[in-house]
């Protein structure tokens, strides 16, 4: 039988405690914001100013510094949402349920940005705003999955029941993630193949790659900040009658 070491068990037990989670995230928030800005500003400057024009696309390629990290985040956040939903479904951990639903609207926003910026790039490159390409179509389905999770959660009054329902929906939708990722390899599509995640070496110059990675890291930090803010609000709404919330409000009054 596999046993979790006692210090590890205590750590996860504390992190699952709503008062501890709320207090810890309040302390971390300023540091996360500073780190986000330290990644975002040089990433934007490096991508929009320092990186050289592409030999084929000129300066129009610079939209990748928004499009590519947004597309990556759309997949990453969905996996976080589905994993948190599964943890809440199996172990009935309230904070896992809150993380799952707090991630949904942020993931939907990143997916929408990825689709819009992709269309803006596709018009001059492909001559059209949209094609029913395998990558584009599966990414659009991902947006519908996010919207389905948000709509389902809002339609059910009992939030513990709603969390179970959205966890099941999110887990069913996980099948779309490998389809999005491997669509350019499985089918003949207009969308270009991988350039950063190739097994041998990236097909992008380091002067363009470094700002792209900085932007990707900044977007991840933004997700963490936004998700924690939404999770804190959702937690207060669910725990509004709890003694620790009343004590905290009295202390700040």
C-alpha atoms as a PDB file:
ATOM      1  CA  UNK A   1       0.000   0.000   0.000  1.00  0.00           C
ATOM      2  CA  UNK A   2       1.370   3.412  -0.991  1.00  0.00           C
ATOM      3  CA  UNK A   3       1.393   5.937   1.828  1.00  0.00           C
ATOM      4  CA  UNK A   4       1.909   9.662   1.397  1.00  0.00           C
ATOM      5  CA  UNK A   5       4.707  10.953   3.687  1.00  0.00           C
ATOM      6  CA  UNK A   6       3.327  12.784   6.700  1.00  0.00           C
ATOM      7  CA  UNK A   7       4.873  16.213   5.874  1.00  0.00           C
ATOM      8  CA  UNK A   8       3.465  15.996   2.338  1.00  0.00           C
ATOM      9  CA  UNK A   9       0.076  14.978   3.694  1.00  0.00           C
ATOM     10  CA  UNK A  10       0.088  17.910   6.118  1.00  0.00           C
ATOM     11  CA  UNK A  11       1.019  20.310   3.309  1.00  0.00           C
ATOM     12  CA  UNK A  12      -1.881  19.214   1.086  1.00  0.00           C
ATOM     13  CA  UNK A  13      -4.223  19.199   4.078  1.00  0.00           C
ATOM     14  CA  UNK A  14      -3.306  22.820   4.832  1.00  0.00           C
ATOM     15  CA  UNK A  15      -3.609  23.869   1.187  1.00  0.00           C
ATOM     16  CA  UNK A  16      -7.100  22.350   1.081  1.00  0.00           C
ATOM     17  CA  UNK A  17      -8.088  24.478   4.072  1.00  0.00           C
ATOM     18  CA  UNK A  18     -10.110  27.512   2.854  1.00  0.00           C
ATOM     19  CA  UNK A  19      -8.767  29.943   5.527  1.00  0.00           C
ATOM     20  CA  UNK A  20      -5.152  28.948   4.841  1.00  0.00           C
ATOM     21  CA  UNK A  21      -5.649  29.162   1.077  1.00  0.00           C
ATOM     22  CA  UNK A  22      -7.215  32.616   1.314  1.00  0.00           C
ATOM     23  CA  UNK A  23      -4.491  33.987   3.603  1.00  0.00           C
ATOM     24  CA  UNK A  24      -1.634  32.467   1.587  1.00  0.00           C
ATOM     25  CA  UNK A  25      -2.895  33.723  -1.774  1.00  0.00           C
ATOM     26  CA  UNK A  26      -3.349  37.208  -0.325  1.00  0.00           C
ATOM     27  CA  UNK A  27       0.335  37.270   0.635  1.00  0.00           C
ATOM     28  CA  UNK A  28       1.486  35.826  -2.701  1.00  0.00           C
ATOM     29  CA  UNK A  29      -0.546  38.127  -4.936  1.00  0.00           C
ATOM     30  CA  UNK A  30       1.789  41.185  -4.948  1.00  0.00           C
ATOM     31  CA  UNK A  31       4.804  38.995  -5.710  1.00  0.00           C
ATOM     32  CA  UNK A  32       2.977  37.243  -8.532  1.00  0.00           C
ATOM     33  CA  UNK A  33       2.004  40.582 -10.075  1.00  0.00           C
ATOM     34  CA  UNK A  34       5.598  41.842  -9.930  1.00  0.00           C
ATOM     35  CA  UNK A  35       6.923  38.632 -11.493  1.00  0.00           C
ATOM     36  CA  UNK A  36       4.253  38.847 -14.196  1.00  0.00           C
ATOM     37  CA  UNK A  37       5.350  42.379 -15.139  1.00  0.00           C
ATOM     38  CA  UNK A  38       9.034  41.367 -15.111  1.00  0.00           C
ATOM     39  CA  UNK A  39       8.220  38.712 -17.703  1.00  0.00           C
ATOM     40  CA  UNK A  40       5.631  40.603 -19.748  1.00  0.00           C
ATOM     41  CA  UNK A  41       7.494  43.864 -20.365  1.00  0.00           C
ATOM     42  CA  UNK A  42      10.759  42.390 -21.718  1.00  0.00           C
ATOM     43  CA  UNK A  43       8.741  39.820 -23.648  1.00  0.00           C
ATOM     44  CA  UNK A  44       6.715  42.516 -25.393  1.00  0.00           C
ATOM     45  CA  UNK A  45       9.753  44.696 -26.026  1.00  0.00           C
ATOM     46  CA  UNK A  46      11.803  41.791 -27.312  1.00  0.00           C
ATOM     47  CA  UNK A  47       9.026  40.539 -29.589  1.00  0.00           C
ATOM     48  CA  UNK A  48       7.745  43.854 -30.924  1.00  0.00           C
ATOM     49  CA  UNK A  49      10.986  45.850 -31.066  1.00  0.00           C
ATOM     50  CA  UNK A  50      14.161  43.777 -30.795  1.00  0.00           C
ATOM     51  CA  UNK A  51      13.233  40.677 -32.788  1.00  0.00           C
ATOM     52  CA  UNK A  52      14.057  41.029 -36.494  1.00  0.00           C
ATOM     53  CA  UNK A  53      11.364  40.890 -39.192  1.00  0.00           C
ATOM     54  CA  UNK A  54      10.651  37.462 -40.645  1.00  0.00           C
ATOM     55  CA  UNK A  55      12.210  36.901 -44.053  1.00  0.00           C
ATOM     56  CA  UNK A  56       8.849  35.818 -45.525  1.00  0.00           C
ATOM     57  CA  UNK A  57       6.144  37.438 -43.380  1.00  0.00           C
ATOM     58  CA  UNK A  58       7.900  40.679 -42.485  1.00  0.00           C
ATOM     59  CA  UNK A  59       6.540  42.289 -39.314  1.00  0.00           C
ATOM     60  CA  UNK A  60       3.133  40.618 -39.580  1.00  0.00           C
ATOM     61  CA  UNK A  61       4.528  37.524 -37.843  1.00  0.00           C
ATOM     62  CA  UNK A  62       4.777  39.479 -34.558  1.00  0.00           C
ATOM     63  CA  UNK A  63       1.195  38.557 -33.762  1.00  0.00           C
ATOM     64  CA  UNK A  64       2.625  35.190 -32.695  1.00  0.00           C
ATOM     65  CA  UNK A  65       3.700  36.787 -29.409  1.00  0.00           C
ATOM     66  CA  UNK A  66       0.011  36.966 -28.497  1.00  0.00           C
ATOM     67  CA  UNK A  67      -1.430  34.171 -30.618  1.00  0.00           C
ATOM     68  CA  UNK A  68       0.932  31.332 -29.755  1.00  0.00           C
ATOM     69  CA  UNK A  69       0.993  31.819 -25.934  1.00  0.00           C
ATOM     70  CA  UNK A  70      -2.813  32.204 -25.995  1.00  0.00           C
ATOM     71  CA  UNK A  71      -3.178  28.951 -27.934  1.00  0.00           C
ATOM     72  CA  UNK A  72      -0.823  27.172 -25.523  1.00  0.00           C
ATOM     73  CA  UNK A  73      -2.753  28.540 -22.556  1.00  0.00           C
ATOM     74  CA  UNK A  74      -6.091  27.421 -24.004  1.00  0.00           C
ATOM     75  CA  UNK A  75      -4.864  23.802 -23.843  1.00  0.00           C
ATOM     76  CA  UNK A  76      -2.978  24.154 -20.554  1.00  0.00           C
ATOM     77  CA  UNK A  77      -5.882  25.724 -18.675  1.00  0.00           C
ATOM     78  CA  UNK A  78      -8.321  23.106 -19.929  1.00  0.00           C
ATOM     79  CA  UNK A  79      -6.060  20.355 -18.578  1.00  0.00           C
ATOM     80  CA  UNK A  80      -5.820  22.179 -15.242  1.00  0.00           C
ATOM     81  CA  UNK A  81      -9.599  22.566 -15.169  1.00  0.00           C
ATOM     82  CA  UNK A  82     -10.209  18.903 -15.997  1.00  0.00           C
ATOM     83  CA  UNK A  83      -7.607  17.697 -13.472  1.00  0.00           C
ATOM     84  CA  UNK A  84      -8.983  19.907 -10.706  1.00  0.00           C
ATOM     85  CA  UNK A  85     -12.495  18.763 -11.597  1.00  0.00           C
ATOM     86  CA  UNK A  86     -11.432  15.118 -11.351  1.00  0.00           C
ATOM     87  CA  UNK A  87      -9.811  15.726  -7.950  1.00  0.00           C
ATOM     88  CA  UNK A  88     -12.980  17.413  -6.719  1.00  0.00           C
ATOM     89  CA  UNK A  89     -15.107  14.616  -8.142  1.00  0.00           C
ATOM     90  CA  UNK A  90     -13.093  11.820  -6.525  1.00  0.00           C
ATOM     91  CA  UNK A  91     -11.920  13.330  -3.235  1.00  0.00           C
ATOM     92  CA  UNK A  92     -14.668  15.958  -2.765  1.00  0.00           C
ATOM     93  CA  UNK A  93     -12.115  18.728  -2.189  1.00  0.00           C
ATOM     94  CA  UNK A  94     -13.939  22.037  -2.322  1.00  0.00           C
ATOM     95  CA  UNK A  95     -10.897  24.071  -3.377  1.00  0.00           C
ATOM     96  CA  UNK A  96     -10.308  21.763  -6.341  1.00  0.00           C
ATOM     97  CA  UNK A  97     -13.882  22.412  -7.484  1.00  0.00           C
ATOM     98  CA  UNK A  98     -13.316  26.143  -7.106  1.00  0.00           C
ATOM     99  CA  UNK A  99     -10.060  26.055  -9.081  1.00  0.00           C
ATOM    100  CA  UNK A 100     -11.825  24.165 -11.868  1.00  0.00           C
ATOM    101  CA  UNK A 101     -14.692  26.610 -12.316  1.00  0.00           C
ATOM    102  CA  UNK A 102     -12.453  29.643 -11.739  1.00  0.00           C
ATOM    103  CA  UNK A 103     -10.274  28.497 -14.647  1.00  0.00           C
ATOM    104  CA  UNK A 104     -13.117  28.127 -17.152  1.00  0.00           C
ATOM    105  CA  UNK A 105     -13.734  31.767 -18.087  1.00  0.00           C
ATOM    106  CA  UNK A 106      -9.993  32.516 -18.259  1.00  0.00           C
ATOM    107  CA  UNK A 107      -9.457  29.532 -20.534  1.00  0.00           C
ATOM    108  CA  UNK A 108     -12.360  30.626 -22.720  1.00  0.00           C
ATOM    109  CA  UNK A 109     -10.810  34.105 -23.014  1.00  0.00           C
ATOM    110  CA  UNK A 110      -7.439  32.725 -24.095  1.00  0.00           C
ATOM    111  CA  UNK A 111      -9.130  30.415 -26.604  1.00  0.00           C
ATOM    112  CA  UNK A 112     -11.104  33.322 -28.053  1.00  0.00           C
ATOM    113  CA  UNK A 113      -7.925  35.437 -28.322  1.00  0.00           C
ATOM    114  CA  UNK A 114      -6.124  32.558 -30.045  1.00  0.00           C
ATOM    115  CA  UNK A 115      -8.945  32.228 -32.599  1.00  0.00           C
ATOM    116  CA  UNK A 116      -9.201  35.974 -33.272  1.00  0.00           C
ATOM    117  CA  UNK A 117      -5.448  36.558 -33.586  1.00  0.00           C
ATOM    118  CA  UNK A 118      -5.175  33.478 -35.768  1.00  0.00           C
ATOM    119  CA  UNK A 119      -7.835  34.913 -38.084  1.00  0.00           C
ATOM    120  CA  UNK A 120      -6.053  38.276 -38.176  1.00  0.00           C
ATOM    121  CA  UNK A 121      -2.859  36.508 -39.209  1.00  0.00           C
ATOM    122  CA  UNK A 122      -4.633  34.166 -41.602  1.00  0.00           C
ATOM    123  CA  UNK A 123      -6.201  36.929 -43.710  1.00  0.00           C
ATOM    124  CA  UNK A 124      -2.906  38.267 -45.162  1.00  0.00           C
ATOM    125  CA  UNK A 125      -1.164  34.880 -45.112  1.00  0.00           C
ATOM    126  CA  UNK A 126      -3.947  32.579 -46.394  1.00  0.00           C
ATOM    127  CA  UNK A 127      -6.174  35.163 -48.040  1.00  0.00           C
ATOM    128  CA  UNK A 128      -9.139  34.343 -45.792  1.00  0.00           C
ATOM    129  CA  UNK A 129     -10.250  34.983 -42.220  1.00  0.00           C
ATOM    130  CA  UNK A 130     -11.309  31.395 -41.587  1.00  0.00           C
ATOM    131  CA  UNK A 131     -11.012  27.903 -43.016  1.00  0.00           C
ATOM    132  CA  UNK A 132     -12.479  24.706 -41.609  1.00  0.00           C
ATOM    133  CA  UNK A 133      -8.976  23.501 -40.910  1.00  0.00           C
ATOM    134  CA  UNK A 134      -8.528  20.631 -38.411  1.00  0.00           C
ATOM    135  CA  UNK A 135      -6.550  22.804 -35.980  1.00  0.00           C
ATOM    136  CA  UNK A 136      -8.920  25.767 -36.208  1.00  0.00           C
ATOM    137  CA  UNK A 137     -12.054  23.645 -35.973  1.00  0.00           C
ATOM    138  CA  UNK A 138     -10.854  21.675 -32.944  1.00  0.00           C
ATOM    139  CA  UNK A 139      -9.806  24.941 -31.253  1.00  0.00           C
ATOM    140  CA  UNK A 140     -13.305  26.310 -31.884  1.00  0.00           C
ATOM    141  CA  UNK A 141     -14.756  23.166 -30.301  1.00  0.00           C
ATOM    142  CA  UNK A 142     -12.525  23.865 -27.290  1.00  0.00           C
ATOM    143  CA  UNK A 143     -14.114  27.308 -26.949  1.00  0.00           C
ATOM    144  CA  UNK A 144     -17.574  25.690 -27.004  1.00  0.00           C
ATOM    145  CA  UNK A 145     -16.452  23.252 -24.294  1.00  0.00           C
ATOM    146  CA  UNK A 146     -15.332  26.134 -22.081  1.00  0.00           C
ATOM    147  CA  UNK A 147     -18.620  27.953 -22.683  1.00  0.00           C
ATOM    148  CA  UNK A 148     -20.516  24.742 -21.960  1.00  0.00           C
ATOM    149  CA  UNK A 149     -18.759  24.384 -18.603  1.00  0.00           C
ATOM    150  CA  UNK A 150     -19.530  28.019 -17.708  1.00  0.00           C
ATOM    151  CA  UNK A 151     -23.175  27.721 -18.789  1.00  0.00           C
ATOM    152  CA  UNK A 152     -23.726  24.406 -16.998  1.00  0.00           C
ATOM    153  CA  UNK A 153     -22.253  25.721 -13.758  1.00  0.00           C
ATOM    154  CA  UNK A 154     -24.448  28.807 -13.882  1.00  0.00           C
ATOM    155  CA  UNK A 155     -27.590  26.778 -14.621  1.00  0.00           C
ATOM    156  CA  UNK A 156     -27.405  24.683 -11.427  1.00  0.00           C
ATOM    157  CA  UNK A 157     -28.151  26.426  -8.124  1.00  0.00           C
ATOM    158  CA  UNK A 158     -26.452  23.873  -5.861  1.00  0.00           C
ATOM    159  CA  UNK A 159     -22.788  24.629  -6.512  1.00  0.00           C
ATOM    160  CA  UNK A 160     -21.491  21.281  -5.209  1.00  0.00           C
ATOM    161  CA  UNK A 161     -23.813  19.507  -7.660  1.00  0.00           C
ATOM    162  CA  UNK A 162     -22.839  21.983 -10.376  1.00  0.00           C
ATOM    163  CA  UNK A 163     -19.153  21.265  -9.741  1.00  0.00           C
ATOM    164  CA  UNK A 164     -19.717  17.533 -10.232  1.00  0.00           C
ATOM    165  CA  UNK A 165     -21.578  18.159 -13.487  1.00  0.00           C
ATOM    166  CA  UNK A 166     -18.913  20.452 -14.951  1.00  0.00           C
ATOM    167  CA  UNK A 167     -16.152  18.054 -13.870  1.00  0.00           C
ATOM    168  CA  UNK A 168     -17.778  15.274 -15.887  1.00  0.00           C
ATOM    169  CA  UNK A 169     -18.217  17.560 -18.897  1.00  0.00           C
ATOM    170  CA  UNK A 170     -14.613  18.749 -18.654  1.00  0.00           C
ATOM    171  CA  UNK A 171     -13.309  15.185 -18.459  1.00  0.00           C
ATOM    172  CA  UNK A 172     -15.328  14.160 -21.512  1.00  0.00           C
ATOM    173  CA  UNK A 173     -13.897  17.114 -23.420  1.00  0.00           C
ATOM    174  CA  UNK A 174     -10.294  16.113 -22.688  1.00  0.00           C
ATOM    175  CA  UNK A 175     -10.407  13.937 -25.804  1.00  0.00           C
ATOM    176  CA  UNK A 176     -10.257  17.156 -27.849  1.00  0.00           C
ATOM    177  CA  UNK A 177      -6.874  18.196 -26.426  1.00  0.00           C
ATOM    178  CA  UNK A 178      -4.680  15.635 -28.268  1.00  0.00           C
ATOM    179  CA  UNK A 179      -6.741  16.271 -31.408  1.00  0.00           C
ATOM    180  CA  UNK A 180      -5.810  19.970 -31.267  1.00  0.00           C
ATOM    181  CA  UNK A 181      -2.169  19.238 -30.489  1.00  0.00           C
ATOM    182  CA  UNK A 182      -1.585  16.583 -33.145  1.00  0.00           C
ATOM    183  CA  UNK A 183      -4.019  17.816 -35.798  1.00  0.00           C
ATOM    184  CA  UNK A 184      -1.242  19.333 -37.927  1.00  0.00           C
ATOM    185  CA  UNK A 185       0.536  15.955 -37.920  1.00  0.00           C
ATOM    186  CA  UNK A 186      -2.497  13.688 -38.379  1.00  0.00           C
ATOM    187  CA  UNK A 187      -4.138  15.655 -41.218  1.00  0.00           C
ATOM    188  CA  UNK A 188      -3.064  17.812 -44.133  1.00  0.00           C
ATOM    189  CA  UNK A 189      -3.873  21.288 -42.827  1.00  0.00           C
ATOM    190  CA  UNK A 190      -3.101  24.893 -43.710  1.00  0.00           C
ATOM    191  CA  UNK A 191      -1.895  25.533 -40.177  1.00  0.00           C
ATOM    192  CA  UNK A 192       1.869  25.334 -39.890  1.00  0.00           C
ATOM    193  CA  UNK A 193       3.500  22.499 -37.985  1.00  0.00           C
ATOM    194  CA  UNK A 194       5.324  22.788 -34.640  1.00  0.00           C
ATOM    195  CA  UNK A 195       8.290  25.145 -34.602  1.00  0.00           C
ATOM    196  CA  UNK A 196       9.105  25.498 -30.892  1.00  0.00           C
ATOM    197  CA  UNK A 197       8.298  22.015 -29.555  1.00  0.00           C
ATOM    198  CA  UNK A 198      10.128  19.988 -32.190  1.00  0.00           C
ATOM    199  CA  UNK A 199      12.138  17.084 -30.814  1.00  0.00           C
ATOM    200  CA  UNK A 200      15.422  18.038 -32.512  1.00  0.00           C
ATOM    201  CA  UNK A 201      15.522  21.833 -32.258  1.00  0.00           C
ATOM    202  CA  UNK A 202      13.108  24.737 -32.725  1.00  0.00           C
ATOM    203  CA  UNK A 203      12.696  26.126 -36.245  1.00  0.00           C
ATOM    204  CA  UNK A 204      12.669  29.683 -34.924  1.00  0.00           C
ATOM    205  CA  UNK A 205      15.696  31.908 -34.363  1.00  0.00           C
ATOM    206  CA  UNK A 206      16.731  32.457 -30.766  1.00  0.00           C
ATOM    207  CA  UNK A 207      16.140  36.223 -31.091  1.00  0.00           C
ATOM    208  CA  UNK A 208      12.482  35.430 -31.796  1.00  0.00           C
ATOM    209  CA  UNK A 209      12.258  32.416 -29.489  1.00  0.00           C
ATOM    210  CA  UNK A 210      13.339  34.103 -26.239  1.00  0.00           C
ATOM    211  CA  UNK A 211      10.603  36.795 -26.309  1.00  0.00           C
ATOM    212  CA  UNK A 212       8.061  34.124 -27.213  1.00  0.00           C
ATOM    213  CA  UNK A 213       9.027  32.023 -24.188  1.00  0.00           C
ATOM    214  CA  UNK A 214       8.947  35.115 -21.962  1.00  0.00           C
ATOM    215  CA  UNK A 215       5.436  35.887 -23.185  1.00  0.00           C
ATOM    216  CA  UNK A 216       4.367  32.289 -22.615  1.00  0.00           C
ATOM    217  CA  UNK A 217       5.656  32.453 -19.021  1.00  0.00           C
ATOM    218  CA  UNK A 218       3.967  35.824 -18.498  1.00  0.00           C
ATOM    219  CA  UNK A 219       0.662  34.438 -19.752  1.00  0.00           C
ATOM    220  CA  UNK A 220       0.944  31.549 -17.304  1.00  0.00           C
ATOM    221  CA  UNK A 221       1.553  33.996 -14.459  1.00  0.00           C
ATOM    222  CA  UNK A 222      -1.445  36.024 -15.580  1.00  0.00           C
ATOM    223  CA  UNK A 223      -3.577  32.881 -15.499  1.00  0.00           C
ATOM    224  CA  UNK A 224      -2.422  32.088 -11.963  1.00  0.00           C
ATOM    225  CA  UNK A 225      -3.169  35.644 -10.798  1.00  0.00           C
ATOM    226  CA  UNK A 226      -6.587  35.808 -12.448  1.00  0.00           C
ATOM    227  CA  UNK A 227      -7.558  32.292 -11.362  1.00  0.00           C
ATOM    228  CA  UNK A 228      -6.572  32.923  -7.740  1.00  0.00           C
ATOM    229  CA  UNK A 229      -8.534  36.173  -7.680  1.00  0.00           C
ATOM    230  CA  UNK A 230     -11.624  34.438  -9.035  1.00  0.00           C
ATOM    231  CA  UNK A 231     -11.094  31.477  -6.709  1.00  0.00           C
ATOM    232  CA  UNK A 232     -10.867  33.774  -3.675  1.00  0.00           C
ATOM    233  CA  UNK A 233     -14.157  35.435  -4.646  1.00  0.00           C
ATOM    234  CA  UNK A 234     -15.865  32.082  -5.285  1.00  0.00           C
ATOM    235  CA  UNK A 235     -14.543  30.797  -1.958  1.00  0.00           C
ATOM    236  CA  UNK A 236     -15.956  33.775  -0.072  1.00  0.00           C
ATOM    237  CA  UNK A 237     -19.332  33.303  -1.742  1.00  0.00           C
ATOM    238  CA  UNK A 238     -19.459  29.629  -0.778  1.00  0.00           C
ATOM    239  CA  UNK A 239     -18.088  30.176   2.737  1.00  0.00           C
ATOM    240  CA  UNK A 240     -19.904  33.430   3.519  1.00  0.00           C
ATOM    241  CA  UNK A 241     -21.556  31.899   6.579  1.00  0.00           C
ATOM    242  CA  UNK A 242     -18.381  30.235   7.852  1.00  0.00           C
ATOM    243  CA  UNK A 243     -16.862  31.421  11.115  1.00  0.00           C
ATOM    244  CA  UNK A 244     -13.445  32.201   9.576  1.00  0.00           C
ATOM    245  CA  UNK A 245     -15.028  34.579   7.050  1.00  0.00           C
ATOM    246  CA  UNK A 246     -16.972  36.400   9.774  1.00  0.00           C
ATOM    247  CA  UNK A 247     -13.830  36.628  11.918  1.00  0.00           C
ATOM    248  CA  UNK A 248     -11.815  38.010   8.993  1.00  0.00           C
ATOM    249  CA  UNK A 249     -14.460  40.644   8.207  1.00  0.00           C
ATOM    250  CA  UNK A 250     -14.664  41.695  11.863  1.00  0.00           C
ATOM    251  CA  UNK A 251     -10.884  42.004  11.997  1.00  0.00           C
ATOM    252  CA  UNK A 252     -10.812  44.254   8.922  1.00  0.00           C
ATOM    253  CA  UNK A 253     -13.805  46.357   9.966  1.00  0.00           C
END
